[in-house]
C-alpha atoms as a PDB file:
ATOM      1  CA  MET A   1       0.000   0.000   0.000  1.00  0.00           C
ATOM      2  CA  THR A   2       1.346   3.405  -1.024  1.00  0.00           C
ATOM      3  CA  VAL A   3       1.135   6.208   1.538  1.00  0.00           C
ATOM      4  CA  HIS A   4       1.974   9.792   0.632  1.00  0.00           C
ATOM      5  CA  MET A   5       3.737  11.283   3.625  1.00  0.00           C
ATOM      6  CA  SER A   6       3.208  14.814   4.854  1.00  0.00           C
ATOM      7  CA  ALA A   7       6.002  15.361   7.391  1.00  0.00           C
ATOM      8  CA  GLY A   8       9.470  13.866   7.179  1.00  0.00           C
ATOM      9  CA  GLY A   9      11.488  12.304   9.978  1.00  0.00           C
ATOM     10  CA  LYS A  10      14.211   9.874  11.000  1.00  0.00           C
ATOM     11  CA  LYS A  11      12.027   7.154  12.518  1.00  0.00           C
ATOM     12  CA  ILE A  12       8.773   5.668  11.318  1.00  0.00           C
ATOM     13  CA  ARG A  13       5.962   3.472  12.614  1.00  0.00           C
ATOM     14  CA  ILE A  14       2.485   2.372  11.555  1.00  0.00           C
ATOM     15  CA  GLU A  15      -0.865   1.814  13.220  1.00  0.00           C
ATOM     16  CA  LEU A  16      -3.072  -1.122  12.311  1.00  0.00           C
ATOM     17  CA  SER A  17      -6.783  -1.200  13.014  1.00  0.00           C
ATOM     18  CA  ASN A  18      -9.463  -3.859  13.241  1.00  0.00           C
ATOM     19  CA  ALA A  19     -12.062  -1.250  14.225  1.00  0.00           C
ATOM     20  CA  THR A  20     -14.913  -2.686  12.166  1.00  0.00           C
ATOM     21  CA  GLY A  21     -13.793  -6.308  12.159  1.00  0.00           C
ATOM     22  CA  LYS A  22     -15.829  -9.082  13.727  1.00  0.00           C
ATOM     23  CA  LYS A  23     -13.029 -11.650  13.914  1.00  0.00           C
ATOM     24  CA  PRO A  24      -9.322 -11.630  14.878  1.00  0.00           C
ATOM     25  CA  VAL A  25      -6.815 -10.792  12.140  1.00  0.00           C
ATOM     26  CA  LEU A  26      -3.373 -12.427  12.281  1.00  0.00           C
ATOM     27  CA  ILE A  27      -0.623 -10.309  10.720  1.00  0.00           C
ATOM     28  CA  GLY A  28       2.351 -12.561   9.994  1.00  0.00           C
ATOM     29  CA  ALA A  29       4.752  -9.817   8.923  1.00  0.00           C
ATOM     30  CA  ALA A  30       4.823  -6.076   8.289  1.00  0.00           C
ATOM     31  CA  HIS A  31       7.376  -4.124   6.267  1.00  0.00           C
ATOM     32  CA  ILE A  32       7.874  -0.528   5.212  1.00  0.00           C
ATOM     33  CA  GLY A  33      10.196   1.099   2.690  1.00  0.00           C
ATOM     34  CA  LEU A  34      10.659   4.207   0.573  1.00  0.00           C
ATOM     35  CA  ARG A  35       8.739   4.003  -2.692  1.00  0.00           C
ATOM     36  CA  ALA A  36      10.796   4.083  -5.873  1.00  0.00           C
ATOM     37  CA  SER A  37       8.105   3.721  -8.545  1.00  0.00           C
ATOM     38  CA  GLY A  38       5.006   1.626  -9.009  1.00  0.00           C
ATOM     39  CA  SER A  39       4.988  -0.929  -6.199  1.00  0.00           C
ATOM     40  CA  SER A  40       8.805  -1.036  -5.960  1.00  0.00           C
ATOM     41  CA  ILE A  41      10.812   0.267  -3.030  1.00  0.00           C
ATOM     42  CA  VAL A  42      14.216   1.923  -2.992  1.00  0.00           C
ATOM     43  CA  ALA A  43      16.932  -0.714  -2.615  1.00  0.00           C
ATOM     44  CA  GLY A  44      18.136  -0.944   0.966  1.00  0.00           C
ATOM     45  CA  SER A  45      15.163   0.945   2.420  1.00  0.00           C
ATOM     46  CA  ASP A  46      13.099  -2.085   3.504  1.00  0.00           C
ATOM     47  CA  ARG A  47      12.483  -2.194   7.246  1.00  0.00           C
ATOM     48  CA  VAL A  48      10.823  -4.969   9.233  1.00  0.00           C
ATOM     49  CA  LEU A  49       8.158  -3.614  11.560  1.00  0.00           C
ATOM     50  CA  THR A  50       7.618  -5.337  14.885  1.00  0.00           C
ATOM     51  CA  PHE A  51       4.999  -5.044  17.598  1.00  0.00           C
ATOM     52  CA  GLY A  52       6.502  -5.235  21.054  1.00  0.00           C
ATOM     53  CA  GLY A  53       9.505  -6.924  19.449  1.00  0.00           C
ATOM     54  CA  ARG A  54       7.387  -9.570  17.695  1.00  0.00           C
ATOM     55  CA  ASN A  55       6.990 -10.025  13.960  1.00  0.00           C
ATOM     56  CA  GLU A  56       3.513 -11.527  14.306  1.00  0.00           C
ATOM     57  CA  VAL A  57       0.589  -9.716  15.880  1.00  0.00           C
ATOM     58  CA  THR A  58      -3.100 -10.459  16.336  1.00  0.00           C
ATOM     59  CA  LEU A  59      -5.634  -7.692  15.893  1.00  0.00           C
ATOM     60  CA  GLU A  60      -8.663  -8.560  17.962  1.00  0.00           C
ATOM     61  CA  PRO A  61     -12.016  -7.064  16.913  1.00  0.00           C
ATOM     62  CA  GLY A  62     -12.102  -3.320  17.586  1.00  0.00           C
ATOM     63  CA  MET A  63      -8.375  -3.161  18.377  1.00  0.00           C
ATOM     64  CA  LEU A  64      -5.804  -0.625  17.175  1.00  0.00           C
ATOM     65  CA  LEU A  65      -2.108  -1.432  17.564  1.00  0.00           C
ATOM     66  CA  THR A  66       0.997   0.696  17.048  1.00  0.00           C
ATOM     67  CA  SER A  67       4.202  -0.827  15.728  1.00  0.00           C
ATOM     68  CA  ASP A  68       7.633  -0.311  17.213  1.00  0.00           C
ATOM     69  CA  SER A  69       9.476   2.528  15.471  1.00  0.00           C
ATOM     70  CA  ALA A  70      12.056   1.712  12.811  1.00  0.00           C
ATOM     71  CA  ASP A  71      15.062   3.764  11.761  1.00  0.00           C
ATOM     72  CA  LEU A  72      14.313   5.162   8.307  1.00  0.00           C
ATOM     73  CA  ALA A  73      15.024   8.654   6.986  1.00  0.00           C
ATOM     74  CA  VAL A  74      11.771   9.732   5.334  1.00  0.00           C
ATOM     75  CA  PRO A  75      11.714  12.986   3.340  1.00  0.00           C
ATOM     76  CA  ALA A  76       8.660  15.236   3.623  1.00  0.00           C
ATOM     77  CA  GLU A  77       6.130  14.708   0.812  1.00  0.00           C
ATOM     78  CA  SER A  78       7.672  11.394  -0.152  1.00  0.00           C
ATOM     79  CA  ASP A  79       5.880   8.063  -0.656  1.00  0.00           C
ATOM     80  CA  VAL A  80       6.356   4.939   1.408  1.00  0.00           C
ATOM     81  CA  GLU A  81       5.201   1.397   0.765  1.00  0.00           C
ATOM     82  CA  VAL A  82       3.606  -0.582   3.603  1.00  0.00           C
ATOM     83  CA  SER A  83       3.349  -4.342   3.106  1.00  0.00           C
ATOM     84  CA  LEU A  84       1.371  -6.702   5.323  1.00  0.00           C
ATOM     85  CA  PHE A  85       1.355 -10.491   5.233  1.00  0.00           C
ATOM     86  CA  VAL A  86      -2.131 -11.381   6.406  1.00  0.00           C
ATOM     87  CA  LYS A  87      -2.071 -14.962   7.656  1.00  0.00           C
ATOM     88  CA  SER A  88      -5.763 -15.060   8.487  1.00  0.00           C
ATOM     89  CA  SER A  89      -8.635 -12.627   8.753  1.00  0.00           C
ATOM     90  CA  GLY A  90     -11.757 -14.749   8.872  1.00  0.00           C
ATOM     91  CA  GLY A  91     -13.046 -12.686   5.966  1.00  0.00           C
ATOM     92  CA  SER A  92     -13.158  -9.629   8.201  1.00  0.00           C
ATOM     93  CA  VAL A  93     -11.600  -6.490   6.674  1.00  0.00           C
ATOM     94  CA  THR A  94     -11.264  -3.038   8.201  1.00  0.00           C
ATOM     95  CA  ALA A  95     -10.691  -0.729   5.243  1.00  0.00           C
ATOM     96  CA  HIS A  96     -10.555   2.885   4.214  1.00  0.00           C
ATOM     97  CA  THR A  97     -12.208   2.426   0.844  1.00  0.00           C
ATOM     98  CA  LEU A  98     -11.039   5.642  -0.822  1.00  0.00           C
ATOM     99  CA  GLY A  99      -7.286   5.327  -0.426  1.00  0.00           C
ATOM    100  CA  LEU A 100      -6.703   6.937  -3.852  1.00  0.00           C
ATOM    101  CA  HIS A 101      -3.440   5.018  -4.262  1.00  0.00           C
ATOM    102  CA  THR A 102      -3.189   1.710  -6.087  1.00  0.00           C
ATOM    103  CA  ALA A 103      -2.349  -1.090  -3.663  1.00  0.00           C
ATOM    104  CA  GLN A 104      -1.044  -4.481  -4.759  1.00  0.00           C
ATOM    105  CA  ILE A 105      -2.463  -7.794  -3.516  1.00  0.00           C
ATOM    106  CA  ALA A 106      -0.396 -10.961  -4.014  1.00  0.00           C
ATOM    107  CA  ASP A 107      -0.394 -14.559  -2.844  1.00  0.00           C
ATOM    108  CA  GLY A 108       1.917 -15.702  -0.052  1.00  0.00           C
ATOM    109  CA  ASP A 109       4.338 -13.699   2.052  1.00  0.00           C
ATOM    110  CA  VAL A 110       5.972 -11.182  -0.286  1.00  0.00           C
ATOM    111  CA  SER A 111       6.000  -8.418   2.327  1.00  0.00           C
ATOM    112  CA  GLY A 112       9.814  -8.152   2.234  1.00  0.00           C
ATOM    113  CA  SER A 113      10.109  -8.094  -1.556  1.00  0.00           C
ATOM    114  CA  THR A 114      11.590  -5.110  -3.367  1.00  0.00           C
ATOM    115  CA  THR A 115       8.839  -5.352  -5.980  1.00  0.00           C
ATOM    116  CA  VAL A 116       5.423  -6.962  -5.586  1.00  0.00           C
ATOM    117  CA  VAL A 117       3.869  -8.719  -8.562  1.00  0.00           C
ATOM    118  CA  SER A 118       0.173  -8.496  -7.852  1.00  0.00           C
ATOM    119  CA  THR A 119      -2.705 -10.818  -8.580  1.00  0.00           C
ATOM    120  CA  SER A 120      -5.169  -7.952  -8.022  1.00  0.00           C
ATOM    121  CA  THR A 121      -5.242  -4.317  -6.978  1.00  0.00           C
ATOM    122  CA  THR A 122      -7.366  -2.028  -4.836  1.00  0.00           C
ATOM    123  CA  LEU A 123      -7.575   1.692  -4.089  1.00  0.00           C
ATOM    124  CA  ALA A 124      -8.367   0.966  -0.442  1.00  0.00           C
ATOM    125  CA  TYR A 125      -6.157   0.906   2.643  1.00  0.00           C
ATOM    126  CA  LEU A 126      -6.601  -2.481   4.336  1.00  0.00           C
ATOM    127  CA  TRP A 127      -6.116  -2.549   8.120  1.00  0.00           C
ATOM    128  CA  LEU A 128      -3.668   0.357   7.837  1.00  0.00           C
ATOM    129  CA  SER A 129      -4.812   3.258  10.011  1.00  0.00           C
ATOM    130  CA  SER A 130      -1.872   5.666   9.893  1.00  0.00           C
ATOM    131  CA  VAL A 131       1.851   6.124   9.364  1.00  0.00           C
ATOM    132  CA  ASP A 132       3.798   8.278  11.852  1.00  0.00           C
ATOM    133  CA  VAL A 133       7.279   9.761  11.696  1.00  0.00           C
ATOM    134  CA  MET A 134       9.487  11.093  14.449  1.00  0.00           C
ATOM    135  CA  ALA A 135       9.446  14.714  13.292  1.00  0.00           C
ATOM    136  CA  PRO A 136      11.521  17.693  14.521  1.00  0.00           C
ATOM    137  CA  LYS A 137      10.487  19.333  17.797  1.00  0.00           C
ATOM    138  CA  ASP A 138       8.993  22.389  16.099  1.00  0.00           C
ATOM    139  CA  SER A 139       6.612  20.243  14.052  1.00  0.00           C
ATOM    140  CA  PHE A 140       2.886  19.936  14.604  1.00  0.00           C
ATOM    141  CA  ALA A 141      -0.093  18.510  12.749  1.00  0.00           C
ATOM    142  CA  ILE A 142      -3.357  19.744  11.260  1.00  0.00           C
ATOM    143  CA  VAL A 143      -6.226  17.242  11.162  1.00  0.00           C
ATOM    144  CA  THR A 144      -8.739  17.747   8.365  1.00  0.00           C
ATOM    145  CA  LEU A 145     -12.016  16.233   9.588  1.00  0.00           C
ATOM    146  CA  GLY A 146     -14.656  15.782   6.936  1.00  0.00           C
ATOM    147  CA  ASP A 147     -16.568  13.722   4.413  1.00  0.00           C
ATOM    148  CA  SER A 148     -15.935  12.745   0.773  1.00  0.00           C
ATOM    149  CA  ILE A 149     -14.900  16.275  -0.236  1.00  0.00           C
ATOM    150  CA  THR A 150     -12.036  16.048   2.258  1.00  0.00           C
ATOM    151  CA  ASP A 151     -11.442  12.372   1.475  1.00  0.00           C
ATOM    152  CA  GLY A 152     -10.672  13.350  -2.137  1.00  0.00           C
ATOM    153  CA  PHE A 153     -13.574  11.652  -3.915  1.00  0.00           C
ATOM    154  CA  LYS A 154     -13.532  12.444  -7.668  1.00  0.00           C
ATOM    155  CA  THR A 155      -9.882  13.522  -7.658  1.00  0.00           C
ATOM    156  CA  THR A 156      -7.482  11.628  -9.917  1.00  0.00           C
ATOM    157  CA  PRO A 157      -6.077   8.494  -8.215  1.00  0.00           C
ATOM    158  CA  ASP A 158      -2.314   8.176  -7.744  1.00  0.00           C
ATOM    159  CA  THR A 159      -1.744  11.920  -8.243  1.00  0.00           C
ATOM    160  CA  ASP A 160      -2.295  13.337  -4.707  1.00  0.00           C
ATOM    161  CA  GLN A 161      -4.862  15.972  -5.694  1.00  0.00           C
ATOM    162  CA  ALA A 162      -7.072  16.030  -2.564  1.00  0.00           C
ATOM    163  CA  TRP A 163      -7.099  19.490  -0.981  1.00  0.00           C
ATOM    164  CA  PRO A 164      -5.502  18.346   2.340  1.00  0.00           C
ATOM    165  CA  THR A 165      -2.504  16.989   0.414  1.00  0.00           C
ATOM    166  CA  LEU A 166      -2.280  20.157  -1.662  1.00  0.00           C
ATOM    167  CA  LEU A 167      -2.482  22.242   1.524  1.00  0.00           C
ATOM    168  CA  ALA A 168       0.431  20.245   2.943  1.00  0.00           C
ATOM    169  CA  LYS A 169       2.429  20.987  -0.191  1.00  0.00           C
ATOM    170  CA  ARG A 170       1.807  24.734   0.275  1.00  0.00           C
ATOM    171  CA  LEU A 171       2.767  24.548   3.947  1.00  0.00           C
ATOM    172  CA  HIS A 172       6.026  22.743   3.247  1.00  0.00           C
ATOM    173  CA  ALA A 173       6.997  25.255   0.558  1.00  0.00           C
ATOM    174  CA  ASP A 174       6.679  28.170   3.011  1.00  0.00           C
ATOM    175  CA  ASN A 175       9.612  28.870   5.351  1.00  0.00           C
ATOM    176  CA  HIS A 176       7.229  29.791   8.193  1.00  0.00           C
ATOM    177  CA  THR A 177       5.171  26.569   8.028  1.00  0.00           C
ATOM    178  CA  HIS A 178       7.506  23.980   6.520  1.00  0.00           C
ATOM    179  CA  ALA A 179       7.339  21.836   9.685  1.00  0.00           C
ATOM    180  CA  VAL A 180       3.523  21.556   9.669  1.00  0.00           C
ATOM    181  CA  SER A 181       1.926  18.306   8.498  1.00  0.00           C
ATOM    182  CA  VAL A 182      -1.644  17.548   7.420  1.00  0.00           C
ATOM    183  CA  LEU A 183      -3.559  14.402   8.408  1.00  0.00           C
ATOM    184  CA  ASN A 184      -6.537  13.591   6.177  1.00  0.00           C
ATOM    185  CA  GLN A 185      -9.390  12.216   8.291  1.00  0.00           C
ATOM    186  CA  GLY A 186     -12.102  12.453   5.656  1.00  0.00           C
ATOM    187  CA  ILE A 187     -14.607   9.595   5.330  1.00  0.00           C
ATOM    188  CA  SER A 188     -16.827   9.518   2.268  1.00  0.00           C
ATOM    189  CA  GLY A 189     -20.498   9.783   3.231  1.00  0.00           C
ATOM    190  CA  ASN A 190     -19.717  10.746   6.823  1.00  0.00           C
ATOM    191  CA  GLU A 191     -22.036  12.947   8.889  1.00  0.00           C
ATOM    192  CA  VAL A 192     -21.522  15.212  11.885  1.00  0.00           C
ATOM    193  CA  LEU A 193     -24.511  14.038  13.927  1.00  0.00           C
ATOM    194  CA  HIS A 194     -25.453  10.548  12.733  1.00  0.00           C
ATOM    195  CA  ASP A 195     -23.721   7.236  12.093  1.00  0.00           C
ATOM    196  CA  GLY A 196     -23.930   5.972   8.533  1.00  0.00           C
ATOM    197  CA  ALA A 197     -20.803   5.856   6.408  1.00  0.00           C
ATOM    198  CA  GLY A 198     -18.670   5.248   9.462  1.00  0.00           C
ATOM    199  CA  ILE A 199     -19.507   6.553  12.881  1.00  0.00           C
ATOM    200  CA  SER A 200     -20.397  10.249  13.124  1.00  0.00           C
ATOM    201  CA  ALA A 201     -17.790  12.999  13.412  1.00  0.00           C
ATOM    202  CA  LEU A 202     -18.863  13.503  17.026  1.00  0.00           C
ATOM    203  CA  ALA A 203     -18.386   9.806  17.780  1.00  0.00           C
ATOM    204  CA  ARG A 204     -15.019   9.479  16.018  1.00  0.00           C
ATOM    205  CA  PHE A 205     -13.515  12.706  17.333  1.00  0.00           C
ATOM    206  CA  ASP A 206     -11.391  11.033  20.017  1.00  0.00           C
ATOM    207  CA  ARG A 207     -10.091   8.379  17.619  1.00  0.00           C
ATOM    208  CA  ASP A 208      -9.484  10.543  14.549  1.00  0.00           C
ATOM    209  CA  VAL A 209      -8.364  13.792  16.177  1.00  0.00           C
ATOM    210  CA  LEU A 210      -7.138  13.221  19.723  1.00  0.00           C
ATOM    211  CA  GLY A 211      -5.783   9.787  18.802  1.00  0.00           C
ATOM    212  CA  HIS A 212      -2.982  11.285  16.702  1.00  0.00           C
ATOM    213  CA  PRO A 213       0.214  12.801  18.113  1.00  0.00           C
ATOM    214  CA  GLY A 214       1.151  16.445  17.722  1.00  0.00           C
ATOM    215  CA  VAL A 215      -2.235  17.787  16.631  1.00  0.00           C
ATOM    216  CA  ALA A 216      -2.493  21.556  17.102  1.00  0.00           C
ATOM    217  CA  TRP A 217      -5.156  22.498  14.532  1.00  0.00           C
ATOM    218  CA  LEU A 218      -8.391  20.977  13.258  1.00  0.00           C
ATOM    219  CA  VAL A 219     -10.020  22.017   9.973  1.00  0.00           C
ATOM    220  CA  LEU A 220     -13.703  21.058  10.008  1.00  0.00           C
ATOM    221  CA  LEU A 221     -15.540  20.634   6.689  1.00  0.00           C
ATOM    222  CA  GLU A 222     -18.588  18.472   7.260  1.00  0.00           C
ATOM    223  CA  GLY A 223     -22.362  18.768   7.249  1.00  0.00           C
ATOM    224  CA  ILE A 224     -23.575  18.475   3.663  1.00  0.00           C
ATOM    225  CA  ASN A 225     -24.489  14.803   4.175  1.00  0.00           C
ATOM    226  CA  ASP A 226     -26.425  15.695   7.339  1.00  0.00           C
ATOM    227  CA  ILE A 227     -28.352  18.248   5.305  1.00  0.00           C
ATOM    228  CA  ASN A 228     -29.054  15.967   2.348  1.00  0.00           C
ATOM    229  CA  ILE A 229     -30.062  12.923   4.376  1.00  0.00           C
ATOM    230  CA  HIS A 230     -31.945  14.578   7.225  1.00  0.00           C
ATOM    231  CA  GLY A 231     -32.666  18.177   6.248  1.00  0.00           C
ATOM    232  CA  GLN A 232     -34.239  18.293   2.803  1.00  0.00           C
ATOM    233  CA  HIS A 233     -37.799  17.731   4.055  1.00  0.00           C
ATOM    234  CA  SER A 234     -40.219  19.396   6.473  1.00  0.00           C
ATOM    235  CA  ASN A 235     -41.333  16.314   8.380  1.00  0.00           C
ATOM    236  CA  PRO A 236     -41.070  16.210  12.193  1.00  0.00           C
ATOM    237  CA  GLY A 237     -37.477  15.679  13.252  1.00  0.00           C
ATOM    238  CA  ALA A 238     -35.980  17.213  10.119  1.00  0.00           C
ATOM    239  CA  LEU A 239     -32.500  18.624  10.607  1.00  0.00           C
ATOM    240  CA  THR A 240     -32.341  22.359  11.280  1.00  0.00           C
ATOM    241  CA  PRO A 241     -29.402  24.762  10.982  1.00  0.00           C
ATOM    242  CA  GLU A 242     -29.376  24.936  14.786  1.00  0.00           C
ATOM    243  CA  ASP A 243     -28.899  21.163  15.002  1.00  0.00           C
ATOM    244  CA  LEU A 244     -25.797  21.264  12.834  1.00  0.00           C
ATOM    245  CA  ILE A 245     -24.439  24.332  14.608  1.00  0.00           C
ATOM    246  CA  ALA A 246     -24.858  22.551  17.954  1.00  0.00           C
ATOM    247  CA  GLY A 247     -22.742  19.689  16.589  1.00  0.00           C
ATOM    248  CA  TYR A 248     -20.060  22.147  15.488  1.00  0.00           C
ATOM    249  CA  ARG A 249     -20.059  23.743  18.938  1.00  0.00           C
ATOM    250  CA  GLN A 250     -19.459  20.342  20.530  1.00  0.00           C
ATOM    251  CA  ILE A 251     -16.467  19.682  18.278  1.00  0.00           C
ATOM    252  CA  ILE A 252     -15.037  23.151  18.939  1.00  0.00           C
ATOM    253  CA  GLU A 253     -15.447  22.788  22.690  1.00  0.00           C
ATOM    254  CA  ARG A 254     -13.888  19.332  22.808  1.00  0.00           C
ATOM    255  CA  ALA A 255     -10.945  20.461  20.686  1.00  0.00           C
ATOM    256  CA  HIS A 256     -10.386  23.515  22.871  1.00  0.00           C
ATOM    257  CA  MET A 257     -10.348  21.304  25.976  1.00  0.00           C
ATOM    258  CA  HIS A 258      -7.192  19.736  24.528  1.00  0.00           C
ATOM    259  CA  GLY A 259      -5.592  22.976  23.356  1.00  0.00           C
ATOM    260  CA  ILE A 260      -6.432  22.367  19.692  1.00  0.00           C
ATOM    261  CA  ARG A 261      -7.461  25.328  17.551  1.00  0.00           C
ATOM    262  CA  VAL A 262     -10.362  24.838  15.124  1.00  0.00           C
ATOM    263  CA  MET A 263     -10.748  26.346  11.675  1.00  0.00           C
ATOM    264  CA  GLY A 264     -14.282  26.241  10.270  1.00  0.00           C
ATOM    265  CA  ALA A 265     -14.740  25.632   6.536  1.00  0.00           C
ATOM    266  CA  THR A 266     -17.898  26.796   4.800  1.00  0.00           C
ATOM    267  CA  LEU A 267     -20.010  24.162   3.037  1.00  0.00           C
ATOM    268  CA  THR A 268     -19.687  24.147  -0.747  1.00  0.00           C
ATOM    269  CA  PRO A 269     -22.579  24.411  -3.261  1.00  0.00           C
ATOM    270  CA  GLU A 270     -24.447  21.382  -4.573  1.00  0.00           C
ATOM    271  CA  GLU A 271     -27.221  22.516  -6.914  1.00  0.00           C
ATOM    272  CA  GLY A 272     -27.819  19.780  -9.490  1.00  0.00           C
ATOM    273  CA  VAL A 273     -27.479  16.903  -7.022  1.00  0.00           C
ATOM    274  CA  TRP A 274     -30.685  14.858  -6.956  1.00  0.00           C
ATOM    275  CA  LEU A 275     -30.902  15.128  -3.154  1.00  0.00           C
ATOM    276  CA  ALA A 276     -30.535  18.900  -3.109  1.00  0.00           C
ATOM    277  CA  GLY A 277     -33.472  21.248  -2.638  1.00  0.00           C
ATOM    278  CA  PRO A 278     -34.475  24.715  -1.455  1.00  0.00           C
ATOM    279  CA  LYS A 279     -34.845  23.748   2.212  1.00  0.00           C
ATOM    280  CA  GLY A 280     -31.373  22.234   2.319  1.00  0.00           C
ATOM    281  CA  GLU A 281     -29.917  25.206   0.467  1.00  0.00           C
ATOM    282  CA  ALA A 282     -31.429  27.561   3.029  1.00  0.00           C
ATOM    283  CA  THR A 283     -29.846  25.485   5.811  1.00  0.00           C
ATOM    284  CA  ARG A 284     -26.464  25.494   4.071  1.00  0.00           C
ATOM    285  CA  ASN A 285     -26.540  29.278   3.695  1.00  0.00           C
ATOM    286  CA  LYS A 286     -27.565  29.851   7.311  1.00  0.00           C
ATOM    287  CA  VAL A 287     -24.864  27.484   8.582  1.00  0.00           C
ATOM    288  CA  ASN A 288     -22.258  29.153   6.366  1.00  0.00           C
ATOM    289  CA  GLU A 289     -23.219  32.585   7.654  1.00  0.00           C
ATOM    290  CA  TRP A 290     -22.794  31.316  11.220  1.00  0.00           C
ATOM    291  CA  ILE A 291     -19.367  29.853  10.380  1.00  0.00           C
ATOM    292  CA  ARG A 292     -18.263  33.171   8.893  1.00  0.00           C
ATOM    293  CA  THR A 293     -19.616  35.535  11.534  1.00  0.00           C
ATOM    294  CA  SER A 294     -20.176  33.771  14.874  1.00  0.00           C
ATOM    295  CA  GLY A 295     -16.590  33.976  16.102  1.00  0.00           C
ATOM    296  CA  ALA A 296     -16.931  30.451  17.485  1.00  0.00           C
ATOM    297  CA  PHE A 297     -14.031  29.188  15.364  1.00  0.00           C
ATOM    298  CA  ASP A 298     -10.430  30.259  15.825  1.00  0.00           C
ATOM    299  CA  ALA A 299     -10.229  30.891  12.079  1.00  0.00           C
ATOM    300  CA  VAL A 300     -12.339  30.405   8.957  1.00  0.00           C
ATOM    301  CA  VAL A 301     -11.601  29.254   5.407  1.00  0.00           C
ATOM    302  CA  ASP A 302     -14.333  30.150   2.917  1.00  0.00           C
ATOM    303  CA  PHE A 303     -14.514  27.194   0.549  1.00  0.00           C
ATOM    304  CA  ASP A 304     -18.013  28.197  -0.555  1.00  0.00           C
ATOM    305  CA  LYS A 305     -16.732  31.523  -1.833  1.00  0.00           C
ATOM    306  CA  VAL A 306     -13.936  30.026  -3.939  1.00  0.00           C
ATOM    307  CA  ILE A 307     -15.986  27.146  -5.375  1.00  0.00           C
ATOM    308  CA  ARG A 308     -19.361  28.773  -6.110  1.00  0.00           C
ATOM    309  CA  ASP A 309     -20.396  30.266  -9.426  1.00  0.00           C
ATOM    310  CA  PRO A 310     -20.516  34.076  -8.928  1.00  0.00           C
ATOM    311  CA  GLN A 311     -23.506  34.219 -11.261  1.00  0.00           C
ATOM    312  CA  HIS A 312     -25.377  31.401  -9.527  1.00  0.00           C
ATOM    313  CA  LEU A 313     -24.336  31.035  -5.885  1.00  0.00           C
ATOM    314  CA  ALA A 314     -26.042  27.686  -5.280  1.00  0.00           C
ATOM    315  CA  ARG A 315     -23.972  26.045  -8.010  1.00  0.00           C
ATOM    316  CA  MET A 316     -20.299  25.154  -8.362  1.00  0.00           C
ATOM    317  CA  ARG A 317     -18.183  26.927 -10.956  1.00  0.00           C
ATOM    318  CA  PRO A 318     -18.175  24.630 -14.002  1.00  0.00           C
ATOM    319  CA  GLU A 319     -14.384  24.431 -14.096  1.00  0.00           C
ATOM    320  CA  THR A 320     -14.306  23.116 -10.506  1.00  0.00           C
ATOM    321  CA  ASP A 321     -17.184  20.616 -10.902  1.00  0.00           C
ATOM    322  CA  SER A 322     -16.221  16.952 -11.247  1.00  0.00           C
ATOM    323  CA  GLY A 323     -19.517  16.377 -13.044  1.00  0.00           C
ATOM    324  CA  ASP A 324     -21.679  15.239 -10.143  1.00  0.00           C
ATOM    325  CA  HIS A 325     -22.271  18.846  -8.958  1.00  0.00           C
ATOM    326  CA  ILE A 326     -21.108  18.249  -5.369  1.00  0.00           C
ATOM    327  CA  HIS A 327     -17.507  16.977  -5.479  1.00  0.00           C
ATOM    328  CA  PRO A 328     -14.791  19.373  -6.675  1.00  0.00           C
ATOM    329  CA  ASN A 329     -12.426  18.047  -9.336  1.00  0.00           C
ATOM    330  CA  ASP A 330      -8.633  18.418  -9.250  1.00  0.00           C
ATOM    331  CA  ARG A 331      -8.926  22.121 -10.166  1.00  0.00           C
ATOM    332  CA  GLY A 332     -11.491  22.685  -7.434  1.00  0.00           C
ATOM    333  CA  ASN A 333      -9.275  20.986  -4.857  1.00  0.00           C
ATOM    334  CA  HIS A 334      -6.377  23.256  -5.868  1.00  0.00           C
ATOM    335  CA  ASP A 335      -8.607  26.296  -5.421  1.00  0.00           C
ATOM    336  CA  MET A 336      -9.639  25.069  -1.970  1.00  0.00           C
ATOM    337  CA  ALA A 337      -6.038  24.514  -0.884  1.00  0.00           C
ATOM    338  CA  ASP A 338      -5.128  27.983  -2.168  1.00  0.00           C
ATOM    339  CA  ALA A 339      -7.951  29.539  -0.105  1.00  0.00           C
ATOM    340  CA  PHE A 340      -6.049  29.077   3.173  1.00  0.00           C
ATOM    341  CA  SER A 341      -4.120  31.891   4.783  1.00  0.00           C
ATOM    342  CA  LEU A 342      -0.987  30.068   5.913  1.00  0.00           C
ATOM    343  CA  ALA A 343      -0.381  32.763   8.530  1.00  0.00           C
ATOM    344  CA  ALA A 344      -2.969  31.033  10.729  1.00  0.00           C
ATOM    345  CA  PHE A 345      -0.683  28.027  11.039  1.00  0.00           C
ATOM    346  CA  THR A 346       2.507  29.785  12.102  1.00  0.00           C
ATOM    347  CA  THR A 347       1.821  28.908  15.730  1.00  0.00           C
ATOM    348  CA  SER A 348       0.654  25.728  17.430  1.00  0.00           C
ATOM    349  CA  LYS A 349      -0.213  27.311  20.782  1.00  0.00           C
ATOM    350  CA  ARG A 350      -3.783  28.139  21.672  1.00  0.00           C
END
């Protein structure tokens, strides 16, 4: 599995997860190395990863395990290859479906091979939760918490075009923010208030924000799925702008309890999507106005402003529309990454 790194460092480790699994998963071996091209690693960069000194590890249902660190000099914005030999899984797979990098699947234990000849491929990350480096002391991380727009849905696979990755590239190119990394915690279909495509943002906050080291900022872009699934009708119990704002306030408060600053991102247009309608559009506009003016966030990035059509504010600019009228294409993701004022990220202290 190919992982595009944000920060660089001299030591590296991985986290494996069986969060959604129903049966134990036996990992017989785990390796990591610097990617050369395709599924090949740079000669001499292969490292065996152990767990408490052991090559084999069992992931019980719901468990997350961190490997021992390995000595490996990893440049910022480089790619690494993580290889797992899965001895048994009982058919139970914990996956991040939209990995956006082609992963190779082969028979037998080829985890230590320089090149993997695959029998099949996938764009998902299987059991791999994160990759950490031992970064310099002045480094810190930004978590981007969101849905498919943050996840990178409709961007070109194997080209690193999701806006969090492009933001990281901008940060690393600036002398004032070169030590800042970006962790993409987008889940396609995710909601703020309700479980569905994964557990809700409120329910996964501890795991996906607090569960990562060095987090100083959180960028929150989520809510359009809440609106489309629960707020496009007038029946009793329909989602209101106040409901979504209350969810945002919870996330802000919980982040602040841990010294993490929160940047609110306005919700982007979606006219043309079959779920969209006037009631949901009114909610989106009211929520966006609250994000911009309430002062509840430590900072704001106005994605709506940079993505919308100036002549038709409920619709995306055609050149940023992937074709489904809700997910920005590669151009749209570049525009979103360029919308950030990097000056906000020159300090990690709240």
